[in-house]
Amino acid sequence: MAMSTLISTSVVKLRRLRRALGRRHLIPKINFITIHYAYFIFTALMASLLLWGSATPFRSLTYKDALFLAVSAMTEAGEFLQYLESYQVH
């Protein structure tokens, strides 16, 4: 099944769900920005769970650090922490 077909069927299903629940519920309108935000949040959470679960030894990385690393990697605006003692001045 093509990706565009899969997305369009998902959008139709979400619209039907929103219509069935009524306007009082907090289901946002389906548009590009809503799909973009959902993708960003879902991917960041899944990547952080993958990083946290694959840390060796087990749980040597806190979930907060894994989430920070995942979101930083997605936005390309994260901080890379490096100690100044490791640099050599010539």
PDB file of N, CA and C in Angstrom:
ATOM      1  N   MET A   1       0.848  -1.171   0.000  1.00  0.00           N
ATOM      2  CA  MET A   1       0.000   0.000   0.000  1.00  0.00           C
ATOM      3  C   MET A   1       0.900   1.242   0.000  1.00  0.00           C
ATOM      4  N   ALA A   2       0.607   2.173  -0.849  1.00  0.00           N
ATOM      5  CA  ALA A   2       1.409   3.384  -0.972  1.00  0.00           C
ATOM      6  C   ALA A   2       1.236   4.266   0.262  1.00  0.00           C
ATOM      7  N   MET A   3       2.256   5.041   0.555  1.00  0.00           N
ATOM      8  CA  MET A   3       2.246   5.896   1.738  1.00  0.00           C
ATOM      9  C   MET A   3       1.149   6.951   1.654  1.00  0.00           C
ATOM     10  N   SER A   4       0.930   7.515   0.458  1.00  0.00           N
ATOM     11  CA  SER A   4      -0.108   8.541   0.308  1.00  0.00           C
ATOM     12  C   SER A   4      -1.496   7.957   0.539  1.00  0.00           C
ATOM     13  N   THR A   5      -1.712   6.720   0.099  1.00  0.00           N
ATOM     14  CA  THR A   5      -3.000   6.066   0.327  1.00  0.00           C
ATOM     15  C   THR A   5      -3.213   5.805   1.804  1.00  0.00           C
ATOM     16  N   LEU A   6      -2.155   5.374   2.480  1.00  0.00           N
ATOM     17  CA  LEU A   6      -2.232   5.107   3.909  1.00  0.00           C
ATOM     18  C   LEU A   6      -2.542   6.378   4.698  1.00  0.00           C
ATOM     19  N   ILE A   7      -1.904   7.467   4.335  1.00  0.00           N
ATOM     20  CA  ILE A   7      -2.147   8.737   5.019  1.00  0.00           C
ATOM     21  C   ILE A   7      -3.564   9.230   4.758  1.00  0.00           C
ATOM     22  N   SER A   8      -4.019   9.128   3.506  1.00  0.00           N
ATOM     23  CA  SER A   8      -5.359   9.630   3.191  1.00  0.00           C
ATOM     24  C   SER A   8      -6.440   8.816   3.887  1.00  0.00           C
ATOM     25  N   THR A   9      -6.262   7.493   4.003  1.00  0.00           N
ATOM     26  CA  THR A   9      -7.257   6.689   4.726  1.00  0.00           C
ATOM     27  C   THR A   9      -7.238   7.000   6.214  1.00  0.00           C
ATOM     28  N   SER A  10      -6.058   7.283   6.762  1.00  0.00           N
ATOM     29  CA  SER A  10      -5.973   7.653   8.178  1.00  0.00           C
ATOM     30  C   SER A  10      -6.658   8.986   8.435  1.00  0.00           C
ATOM     31  N   VAL A  11      -6.482   9.927   7.522  1.00  0.00           N
ATOM     32  CA  VAL A  11      -7.107  11.239   7.666  1.00  0.00           C
ATOM     33  C   VAL A  11      -8.625  11.099   7.616  1.00  0.00           C
ATOM     34  N   VAL A  12      -9.128  10.276   6.719  1.00  0.00           N
ATOM     35  CA  VAL A  12     -10.578  10.069   6.605  1.00  0.00           C
ATOM     36  C   VAL A  12     -11.117   9.436   7.884  1.00  0.00           C
ATOM     37  N   LYS A  13     -10.399   8.455   8.437  1.00  0.00           N
ATOM     38  CA  LYS A  13     -10.842   7.809   9.669  1.00  0.00           C
ATOM     39  C   LYS A  13     -10.853   8.791  10.837  1.00  0.00           C
ATOM     40  N   LEU A  14      -9.823   9.644  10.931  1.00  0.00           N
ATOM     41  CA  LEU A  14      -9.785  10.629  12.005  1.00  0.00           C
ATOM     42  C   LEU A  14     -10.891  11.670  11.865  1.00  0.00           C
ATOM     43  N   ARG A  15     -11.220  12.049  10.640  1.00  0.00           N
ATOM     44  CA  ARG A  15     -12.321  12.998  10.426  1.00  0.00           C
ATOM     45  C   ARG A  15     -13.653  12.392  10.844  1.00  0.00           C
ATOM     46  N   ARG A  16     -13.857  11.108  10.520  1.00  0.00           N
ATOM     47  CA  ARG A  16     -15.083  10.429  10.932  1.00  0.00           C
ATOM     48  C   ARG A  16     -15.172  10.333  12.449  1.00  0.00           C
ATOM     49  N   LEU A  17     -14.048  10.051  13.099  1.00  0.00           N
ATOM     50  CA  LEU A  17     -14.019   9.972  14.561  1.00  0.00           C
ATOM     51  C   LEU A  17     -14.349  11.323  15.176  1.00  0.00           C
ATOM     52  N   ARG A  18     -13.776  12.387  14.637  1.00  0.00           N
ATOM     53  CA  ARG A  18     -14.040  13.730  15.150  1.00  0.00           C
ATOM     54  C   ARG A  18     -15.512  14.099  14.983  1.00  0.00           C
ATOM     55  N   ARG A  19     -16.089  13.733  13.838  1.00  0.00           N
ATOM     56  CA  ARG A  19     -17.490  14.012  13.579  1.00  0.00           C
ATOM     57  C   ARG A  19     -18.382  13.212  14.527  1.00  0.00           C
ATOM     58  N   ALA A  20     -17.993  11.961  14.821  1.00  0.00           N
ATOM     59  CA  ALA A  20     -18.802  11.102  15.696  1.00  0.00           C
ATOM     60  C   ALA A  20     -18.753  11.582  17.146  1.00  0.00           C
ATOM     61  N   LEU A  21     -17.616  12.090  17.585  1.00  0.00           N
ATOM     62  CA  LEU A  21     -17.487  12.533  18.969  1.00  0.00           C
ATOM     63  C   LEU A  21     -18.085  13.917  19.203  1.00  0.00           C
ATOM     64  N   GLY A  22     -18.216  14.685  18.196  1.00  0.00           N
ATOM     65  CA  GLY A  22     -18.770  16.026  18.337  1.00  0.00           C
ATOM     66  C   GLY A  22     -17.679  17.064  18.527  1.00  0.00           C
ATOM     67  N   ARG A  23     -18.082  18.297  18.579  1.00  0.00           N
ATOM     68  CA  ARG A  23     -17.136  19.409  18.666  1.00  0.00           C
ATOM     69  C   ARG A  23     -16.629  19.655  20.087  1.00  0.00           C
ATOM     70  N   ARG A  24     -17.275  19.099  21.093  1.00  0.00           N
ATOM     71  CA  ARG A  24     -16.876  19.380  22.469  1.00  0.00           C
ATOM     72  C   ARG A  24     -15.557  18.710  22.855  1.00  0.00           C
ATOM     73  N   HIS A  25     -15.171  17.669  22.158  1.00  0.00           N
ATOM     74  CA  HIS A  25     -13.959  16.943  22.506  1.00  0.00           C
ATOM     75  C   HIS A  25     -12.735  17.622  21.902  1.00  0.00           C
ATOM     76  N   LEU A  26     -11.588  17.320  22.450  1.00  0.00           N
ATOM     77  CA  LEU A  26     -10.361  18.009  22.059  1.00  0.00           C
ATOM     78  C   LEU A  26      -9.607  17.277  20.957  1.00  0.00           C
ATOM     79  N   ILE A  27     -10.258  17.040  19.857  1.00  0.00           N
ATOM     80  CA  ILE A  27      -9.604  16.454  18.699  1.00  0.00           C
ATOM     81  C   ILE A  27      -9.349  17.583  17.712  1.00  0.00           C
ATOM     82  N   PRO A  28      -8.073  17.882  17.431  1.00  0.00           N
ATOM     83  CA  PRO A  28      -7.780  19.014  16.551  1.00  0.00           C
ATOM     84  C   PRO A  28      -8.144  18.715  15.104  1.00  0.00           C
ATOM     85  N   LYS A  29      -8.250  19.768  14.308  1.00  0.00           N
ATOM     86  CA  LYS A  29      -8.500  19.605  12.886  1.00  0.00           C
ATOM     87  C   LYS A  29      -7.298  18.917  12.255  1.00  0.00           C
ATOM     88  N   ILE A  30      -7.572  18.109  11.254  1.00  0.00           N
ATOM     89  CA  ILE A  30      -6.513  17.391  10.558  1.00  0.00           C
ATOM     90  C   ILE A  30      -5.983  18.282   9.443  1.00  0.00           C
ATOM     91  N   ASN A  31      -4.768  18.770   9.614  1.00  0.00           N
ATOM     92  CA  ASN A  31      -4.113  19.541   8.575  1.00  0.00           C
ATOM     93  C   ASN A  31      -2.616  19.267   8.660  1.00  0.00           C
ATOM     94  N   PHE A  32      -1.842  19.944   7.852  1.00  0.00           N
ATOM     95  CA  PHE A  32      -0.413  19.663   7.790  1.00  0.00           C
ATOM     96  C   PHE A  32       0.276  19.873   9.131  1.00  0.00           C
ATOM     97  N   ILE A  33      -0.018  20.967   9.802  1.00  0.00           N
ATOM     98  CA  ILE A  33       0.699  21.281  11.038  1.00  0.00           C
ATOM     99  C   ILE A  33       0.350  20.288  12.144  1.00  0.00           C
ATOM    100  N   THR A  34      -0.884  19.810  12.200  1.00  0.00           N
ATOM    101  CA  THR A  34      -1.274  18.818  13.193  1.00  0.00           C
ATOM    102  C   THR A  34      -0.543  17.502  12.954  1.00  0.00           C
ATOM    103  N   ILE A  35      -0.478  17.085  11.698  1.00  0.00           N
ATOM    104  CA  ILE A  35       0.250  15.858  11.364  1.00  0.00           C
ATOM    105  C   ILE A  35       1.738  16.035  11.647  1.00  0.00           C
ATOM    106  N   HIS A  36       2.272  17.208  11.357  1.00  0.00           N
ATOM    107  CA  HIS A  36       3.682  17.496  11.617  1.00  0.00           C
ATOM    108  C   HIS A  36       3.983  17.418  13.114  1.00  0.00           C
ATOM    109  N   TYR A  37       3.164  18.040  13.951  1.00  0.00           N
ATOM    110  CA  TYR A  37       3.365  17.982  15.397  1.00  0.00           C
ATOM    111  C   TYR A  37       3.240  16.561  15.929  1.00  0.00           C
ATOM    112  N   ALA A  38       2.247  15.819  15.443  1.00  0.00           N
ATOM    113  CA  ALA A  38       2.069  14.443  15.904  1.00  0.00           C
ATOM    114  C   ALA A  38       3.266  13.580  15.523  1.00  0.00           C
ATOM    115  N   TYR A  39       3.768  13.747  14.316  1.00  0.00           N
ATOM    116  CA  TYR A  39       4.946  13.009  13.873  1.00  0.00           C
ATOM    117  C   TYR A  39       6.156  13.353  14.736  1.00  0.00           C
ATOM    118  N   PHE A  40       6.353  14.629  14.990  1.00  0.00           N
ATOM    119  CA  PHE A  40       7.501  15.078  15.767  1.00  0.00           C
ATOM    120  C   PHE A  40       7.457  14.512  17.187  1.00  0.00           C
ATOM    121  N   ILE A  41       6.311  14.601  17.838  1.00  0.00           N
ATOM    122  CA  ILE A  41       6.179  14.116  19.211  1.00  0.00           C
ATOM    123  C   ILE A  41       6.325  12.598  19.261  1.00  0.00           C
ATOM    124  N   PHE A  42       5.645  11.890  18.362  1.00  0.00           N
ATOM    125  CA  PHE A  42       5.699  10.435  18.351  1.00  0.00           C
ATOM    126  C   PHE A  42       7.121   9.930  18.090  1.00  0.00           C
ATOM    127  N   THR A  43       7.804  10.506  17.117  1.00  0.00           N
ATOM    128  CA  THR A  43       9.155  10.080  16.779  1.00  0.00           C
ATOM    129  C   THR A  43      10.129  10.369  17.913  1.00  0.00           C
ATOM    130  N   ALA A  44      10.008  11.527  18.544  1.00  0.00           N
ATOM    131  CA  ALA A  44      10.888  11.861  19.661  1.00  0.00           C
ATOM    132  C   ALA A  44      10.679  10.900  20.832  1.00  0.00           C
ATOM    133  N   LEU A  45       9.433  10.570  21.128  1.00  0.00           N
ATOM    134  CA  LEU A  45       9.163   9.640  22.229  1.00  0.00           C
ATOM    135  C   LEU A  45       9.663   8.238  21.916  1.00  0.00           C
ATOM    136  N   MET A  46       9.463   7.773  20.690  1.00  0.00           N
ATOM    137  CA  MET A  46       9.930   6.427  20.327  1.00  0.00           C
ATOM    138  C   MET A  46      11.458   6.363  20.316  1.00  0.00           C
ATOM    139  N   ALA A  47      12.109   7.391  19.806  1.00  0.00           N
ATOM    140  CA  ALA A  47      13.575   7.407  19.788  1.00  0.00           C
ATOM    141  C   ALA A  47      14.134   7.464  21.200  1.00  0.00           C
ATOM    142  N   SER A  48      13.501   8.222  22.086  1.00  0.00           N
ATOM    143  CA  SER A  48      13.988   8.301  23.464  1.00  0.00           C
ATOM    144  C   SER A  48      13.806   6.973  24.182  1.00  0.00           C
ATOM    145  N   LEU A  49      12.702   6.286  23.928  1.00  0.00           N
ATOM    146  CA  LEU A  49      12.514   4.955  24.521  1.00  0.00           C
ATOM    147  C   LEU A  49      13.553   3.972  23.995  1.00  0.00           C
ATOM    148  N   LEU A  50      13.868   4.050  22.710  1.00  0.00           N
ATOM    149  CA  LEU A  50      14.879   3.180  22.129  1.00  0.00           C
ATOM    150  C   LEU A  50      16.254   3.461  22.735  1.00  0.00           C
ATOM    151  N   LEU A  51      16.608   4.725  22.879  1.00  0.00           N
ATOM    152  CA  LEU A  51      17.890   5.075  23.489  1.00  0.00           C
ATOM    153  C   LEU A  51      17.963   4.642  24.948  1.00  0.00           C
ATOM    154  N   TRP A  52      16.905   4.894  25.681  1.00  0.00           N
ATOM    155  CA  TRP A  52      16.868   4.567  27.103  1.00  0.00           C
ATOM    156  C   TRP A  52      16.933   3.060  27.324  1.00  0.00           C
ATOM    157  N   GLY A  53      16.213   2.309  26.513  1.00  0.00           N
ATOM    158  CA  GLY A  53      16.179   0.861  26.675  1.00  0.00           C
ATOM    159  C   GLY A  53      17.441   0.167  26.211  1.00  0.00           C
ATOM    160  N   SER A  54      18.178   0.770  25.287  1.00  0.00           N
ATOM    161  CA  SER A  54      19.370   0.125  24.766  1.00  0.00           C
ATOM    162  C   SER A  54      20.650   0.581  25.445  1.00  0.00           C
ATOM    163  N   ALA A  55      20.545   1.362  26.497  1.00  0.00           N
ATOM    164  CA  ALA A  55      21.734   1.828  27.212  1.00  0.00           C
ATOM    165  C   ALA A  55      22.439   0.644  27.876  1.00  0.00           C
ATOM    166  N   THR A  56      23.768   0.622  27.806  1.00  0.00           N
ATOM    167  CA  THR A  56      24.550  -0.451  28.407  1.00  0.00           C
ATOM    168  C   THR A  56      25.501   0.160  29.414  1.00  0.00           C
ATOM    169  N   PRO A  57      25.522  -0.284  30.632  1.00  0.00           N
ATOM    170  CA  PRO A  57      24.658  -1.248  31.301  1.00  0.00           C
ATOM    171  C   PRO A  57      23.241  -0.697  31.433  1.00  0.00           C
ATOM    172  N   PHE A  58      22.311  -1.621  31.683  1.00  0.00           N
ATOM    173  CA  PHE A  58      20.893  -1.267  31.682  1.00  0.00           C
ATOM    174  C   PHE A  58      20.617  -0.120  32.637  1.00  0.00           C
ATOM    175  N   ARG A  59      19.861   0.854  32.165  1.00  0.00           N
ATOM    176  CA  ARG A  59      19.464   2.066  32.894  1.00  0.00           C
ATOM    177  C   ARG A  59      20.647   2.923  33.355  1.00  0.00           C
ATOM    178  N   SER A  60      21.730   2.878  32.617  1.00  0.00           N
ATOM    179  CA  SER A  60      22.839   3.778  32.924  1.00  0.00           C
ATOM    180  C   SER A  60      22.556   5.187  32.396  1.00  0.00           C
ATOM    181  N   LEU A  61      21.584   5.299  31.520  1.00  0.00           N
ATOM    182  CA  LEU A  61      21.157   6.575  30.964  1.00  0.00           C
ATOM    183  C   LEU A  61      19.755   6.865  31.492  1.00  0.00           C
ATOM    184  N   THR A  62      19.563   8.020  32.099  1.00  0.00           N
ATOM    185  CA  THR A  62      18.229   8.344  32.604  1.00  0.00           C
ATOM    186  C   THR A  62      17.309   8.675  31.433  1.00  0.00           C
ATOM    187  N   TYR A  63      16.002   8.490  31.649  1.00  0.00           N
ATOM    188  CA  TYR A  63      15.055   8.752  30.564  1.00  0.00           C
ATOM    189  C   TYR A  63      15.066  10.233  30.181  1.00  0.00           C
ATOM    190  N   LYS A  64      15.272  11.091  31.153  1.00  0.00           N
ATOM    191  CA  LYS A  64      15.319  12.526  30.868  1.00  0.00           C
ATOM    192  C   LYS A  64      16.472  12.838  29.911  1.00  0.00           C
ATOM    193  N   ASP A  65      17.623  12.213  30.115  1.00  0.00           N
ATOM    194  CA  ASP A  65      18.757  12.426  29.218  1.00  0.00           C
ATOM    195  C   ASP A  65      18.491  11.842  27.828  1.00  0.00           C
ATOM    196  N   ALA A  66      17.836  10.683  27.780  1.00  0.00           N
ATOM    197  CA  ALA A  66      17.512  10.072  26.492  1.00  0.00           C
ATOM    198  C   ALA A  66      16.522  10.943  25.716  1.00  0.00           C
ATOM    199  N   LEU A  67      15.543  11.501  26.406  1.00  0.00           N
ATOM    200  CA  LEU A  67      14.570  12.388  25.754  1.00  0.00           C
ATOM    201  C   LEU A  67      15.247  13.661  25.247  1.00  0.00           C
ATOM    202  N   PHE A  68      16.141  14.217  26.055  1.00  0.00           N
ATOM    203  CA  PHE A  68      16.885  15.409  25.645  1.00  0.00           C
ATOM    204  C   PHE A  68      17.714  15.124  24.396  1.00  0.00           C
ATOM    205  N   LEU A  69      18.380  13.969  24.375  1.00  0.00           N
ATOM    206  CA  LEU A  69      19.206  13.613  23.231  1.00  0.00           C
ATOM    207  C   LEU A  69      18.359  13.394  21.979  1.00  0.00           C
ATOM    208  N   ALA A  70      17.220  12.734  22.118  1.00  0.00           N
ATOM    209  CA  ALA A  70      16.355  12.462  20.964  1.00  0.00           C
ATOM    210  C   ALA A  70      15.775  13.751  20.379  1.00  0.00           C
ATOM    211  N   VAL A  71      15.285  14.629  21.236  1.00  0.00           N
ATOM    212  CA  VAL A  71      14.712  15.893  20.746  1.00  0.00           C
ATOM    213  C   VAL A  71      15.803  16.776  20.159  1.00  0.00           C
ATOM    214  N   SER A  72      16.974  16.770  20.768  1.00  0.00           N
ATOM    215  CA  SER A  72      18.084  17.552  20.234  1.00  0.00           C
ATOM    216  C   SER A  72      18.500  17.055  18.860  1.00  0.00           C
ATOM    217  N   ALA A  73      18.495  15.745  18.673  1.00  0.00           N
ATOM    218  CA  ALA A  73      18.864  15.187  17.369  1.00  0.00           C
ATOM    219  C   ALA A  73      17.811  15.526  16.314  1.00  0.00           C
ATOM    220  N   MET A  74      16.539  15.548  16.703  1.00  0.00           N
ATOM    221  CA  MET A  74      15.486  15.860  15.729  1.00  0.00           C
ATOM    222  C   MET A  74      15.493  17.323  15.324  1.00  0.00           C
ATOM    223  N   THR A  75      15.795  18.212  16.253  1.00  0.00           N
ATOM    224  CA  THR A  75      15.752  19.640  15.931  1.00  0.00           C
ATOM    225  C   THR A  75      17.072  20.167  15.410  1.00  0.00           C
ATOM    226  N   GLU A  76      18.119  19.390  15.511  1.00  0.00           N
ATOM    227  CA  GLU A  76      19.468  19.795  15.127  1.00  0.00           C
ATOM    228  C   GLU A  76      19.897  21.070  15.855  1.00  0.00           C
ATOM    229  N   ALA A  77      19.340  21.274  17.044  1.00  0.00           N
ATOM    230  CA  ALA A  77      19.672  22.468  17.817  1.00  0.00           C
ATOM    231  C   ALA A  77      20.066  22.099  19.240  1.00  0.00           C
ATOM    232  N   GLY A  78      20.446  20.866  19.450  1.00  0.00           N
ATOM    233  CA  GLY A  78      20.766  20.407  20.792  1.00  0.00           C
ATOM    234  C   GLY A  78      22.138  20.846  21.238  1.00  0.00           C
ATOM    235  N   GLU A  79      22.394  20.623  22.492  1.00  0.00           N
ATOM    236  CA  GLU A  79      23.688  20.963  23.055  1.00  0.00           C
ATOM    237  C   GLU A  79      24.556  19.735  23.103  1.00  0.00           C
ATOM    238  N   PHE A  80      25.814  19.895  22.737  1.00  0.00           N
ATOM    239  CA  PHE A  80      26.787  18.823  22.868  1.00  0.00           C
ATOM    240  C   PHE A  80      27.679  19.219  24.027  1.00  0.00           C
ATOM    241  N   LEU A  81      27.570  18.488  25.092  1.00  0.00           N
ATOM    242  CA  LEU A  81      28.327  18.829  26.289  1.00  0.00           C
ATOM    243  C   LEU A  81      29.729  18.260  26.190  1.00  0.00           C
ATOM    244  N   GLN A  82      30.727  19.117  26.289  1.00  0.00           N
ATOM    245  CA  GLN A  82      32.114  18.701  26.181  1.00  0.00           C
ATOM    246  C   GLN A  82      32.906  19.445  27.246  1.00  0.00           C
ATOM    247  N   TYR A  83      33.709  18.706  27.980  1.00  0.00           N
ATOM    248  CA  TYR A  83      34.530  19.337  29.006  1.00  0.00           C
ATOM    249  C   TYR A  83      35.669  20.108  28.360  1.00  0.00           C
ATOM    250  N   LEU A  84      35.952  21.282  28.889  1.00  0.00           N
ATOM    251  CA  LEU A  84      37.010  22.115  28.328  1.00  0.00           C
ATOM    252  C   LEU A  84      38.395  21.525  28.548  1.00  0.00           C
ATOM    253  N   GLU A  85      38.550  20.641  29.544  1.00  0.00           N
ATOM    254  CA  GLU A  85      39.853  20.044  29.810  1.00  0.00           C
ATOM    255  C   GLU A  85      40.302  19.128  28.685  1.00  0.00           C
ATOM    256  N   SER A  86      39.392  18.658  27.870  1.00  0.00           N
ATOM    257  CA  SER A  86      39.755  17.724  26.807  1.00  0.00           C
ATOM    258  C   SER A  86      40.365  18.435  25.594  1.00  0.00           C
ATOM    259  N   TYR A  87      40.246  19.737  25.508  1.00  0.00           N
ATOM    260  CA  TYR A  87      40.803  20.483  24.392  1.00  0.00           C
ATOM    261  C   TYR A  87      42.257  20.877  24.689  1.00  0.00           C
ATOM    262  N   GLN A  88      43.057  20.879  23.645  1.00  0.00           N
ATOM    263  CA  GLN A  88      44.446  21.297  23.796  1.00  0.00           C
ATOM    264  C   GLN A  88      44.631  22.651  23.122  1.00  0.00           C
ATOM    265  N   VAL A  89      45.255  23.552  23.814  1.00  0.00           N
ATOM    266  CA  VAL A  89      45.503  24.881  23.269  1.00  0.00           C
ATOM    267  C   VAL A  89      46.923  24.908  22.735  1.00  0.00           C
ATOM    268  N   HIS A  90      47.112  25.318  21.488  1.00  0.00           N
ATOM    269  CA  HIS A  90      48.448  25.340  20.870  1.00  0.00           C
ATOM    270  C   HIS A  90      49.040  26.706  20.957  1.00  0.00           C
TER     271      HIS A  90
END
